[in-house]
Amino acid sequence: MSSRRSRSRQSGASAEITDAQITDLVSKLQQLIPELRARLSDKVSAAKVLQETCNYIKNLHREVDDLSDRLSELLANTDSNSAQAAIIRSLLM
């Protein structure tokens, strides 16, 4: 039984996120998000980086939805056998 408890504790410990991992993630996010990249030299809190990351992802989702709507409209107004329709279909795949 003690070996089970020991393994359980070890696996639980490895599942915990360390401060170093959080710092590494925040640093990588700060380099990836355009709004934060400009402020690399500034000391930005982890909460601010995560908030900006969430905002960036929401904006990307919105842009994808808008592009999807535009492509749907184009397809609806295009002859399904035309070259333009073929290009639009290829973009969707």
Protein backbone atom coordinates (compact mmCIF):
# COMPACT_ATOMS: atom_id res chain seq x y z
CA MET A 1 0.00 0.00 0.00
CA SER A 2 2.76 2.43 0.75
CA SER A 3 4.08 2.05 -2.80
CA ARG A 4 0.65 3.04 -4.12
CA ARG A 5 0.60 6.14 -1.96
CA SER A 6 4.12 6.99 -3.02
CA ARG A 7 3.23 6.69 -6.72
CA SER A 8 0.08 8.70 -6.15
CA ARG A 9 2.02 11.50 -4.51
CA GLN A 10 4.65 11.47 -7.24
CA SER A 11 2.13 11.64 -10.07
CA GLY A 12 0.24 14.38 -8.25
CA ALA A 13 3.40 16.38 -7.80
CA SER A 14 4.32 16.13 -11.46
CA ALA A 15 0.85 17.36 -12.47
CA GLU A 16 1.32 20.61 -10.55
CA ILE A 17 2.37 23.64 -12.53
CA THR A 18 5.54 25.26 -11.28
CA ASP A 19 6.29 28.96 -11.08
CA ALA A 20 9.03 28.43 -13.68
CA GLN A 21 6.51 26.90 -16.11
CA ILE A 22 4.13 29.82 -15.60
CA THR A 23 6.93 32.31 -16.14
CA ASP A 24 8.00 30.47 -19.30
CA LEU A 25 4.43 30.42 -20.64
CA VAL A 26 3.92 34.12 -19.93
CA SER A 27 7.22 34.92 -21.64
CA LYS A 28 6.27 32.92 -24.73
CA LEU A 29 2.81 34.47 -24.89
CA GLN A 30 4.31 37.92 -24.54
CA GLN A 31 6.52 37.22 -27.57
CA LEU A 32 3.62 35.86 -29.65
CA ILE A 33 0.90 38.46 -29.07
CA PRO A 34 1.51 41.58 -31.20
CA GLU A 35 0.04 43.94 -28.61
CA LEU A 36 2.48 42.64 -26.02
CA ARG A 37 5.51 42.25 -28.26
CA ALA A 38 5.88 46.02 -28.42
CA ARG A 39 6.14 46.11 -24.63
CA LEU A 40 8.71 43.33 -24.16
CA SER A 41 11.01 45.65 -22.25
CA ASP A 42 8.17 46.71 -19.94
CA LYS A 43 7.38 44.63 -16.90
CA VAL A 44 3.89 43.32 -17.64
CA SER A 45 2.04 41.19 -15.11
CA ALA A 46 1.10 37.60 -15.89
CA ALA A 47 -2.57 38.51 -15.48
CA LYS A 48 -2.21 41.28 -18.09
CA VAL A 49 -0.46 38.92 -20.51
CA LEU A 50 -3.20 36.31 -20.09
CA GLN A 51 -5.92 38.93 -20.51
CA GLU A 52 -4.30 40.26 -23.69
CA THR A 53 -3.91 36.68 -24.96
CA CYS A 54 -7.61 36.00 -24.37
CA ASN A 55 -8.55 39.25 -26.13
CA TYR A 56 -6.30 38.37 -29.06
CA ILE A 57 -7.86 34.90 -29.39
CA LYS A 58 -11.38 36.38 -29.23
CA ASN A 59 -10.46 38.83 -31.99
CA LEU A 60 -9.06 36.00 -34.12
CA HIS A 61 -12.29 34.03 -33.64
CA ARG A 62 -14.30 37.08 -34.68
CA GLU A 63 -12.16 37.54 -37.80
CA VAL A 64 -12.55 33.86 -38.73
CA ASP A 65 -16.32 34.09 -38.29
CA ASP A 66 -16.44 37.23 -40.47
CA LEU A 67 -14.34 35.59 -43.18
CA SER A 68 -16.51 32.49 -43.05
CA ASP A 69 -19.63 34.62 -43.51
CA ARG A 70 -18.05 36.47 -46.43
CA LEU A 71 -17.03 33.22 -48.12
CA SER A 72 -20.52 31.80 -47.61
CA GLU A 73 -22.03 34.89 -49.23
CA LEU A 74 -19.61 34.64 -52.14
CA LEU A 75 -20.47 31.00 -52.66
CA ALA A 76 -24.19 31.70 -52.49
CA ASN A 77 -23.85 34.39 -55.18
CA THR A 78 -21.50 32.45 -57.45
CA ASP A 79 -22.20 29.83 -60.09
CA SER A 80 -21.23 26.56 -58.41
CA ASN A 81 -19.27 25.43 -61.48
CA SER A 82 -17.27 28.62 -61.93
CA ALA A 83 -13.55 29.05 -61.34
CA GLN A 84 -14.29 31.49 -58.52
CA ALA A 85 -16.43 28.88 -56.73
CA ALA A 86 -13.62 26.32 -57.12
CA ILE A 87 -11.14 28.75 -55.55
CA ILE A 88 -13.50 29.46 -52.64
CA ARG A 89 -14.06 25.74 -52.07
CA SER A 90 -10.30 25.13 -52.08
CA LEU A 91 -9.89 27.83 -49.41
CA LEU A 92 -12.45 26.10 -47.22
CA MET A 93 -10.67 22.75 -47.33
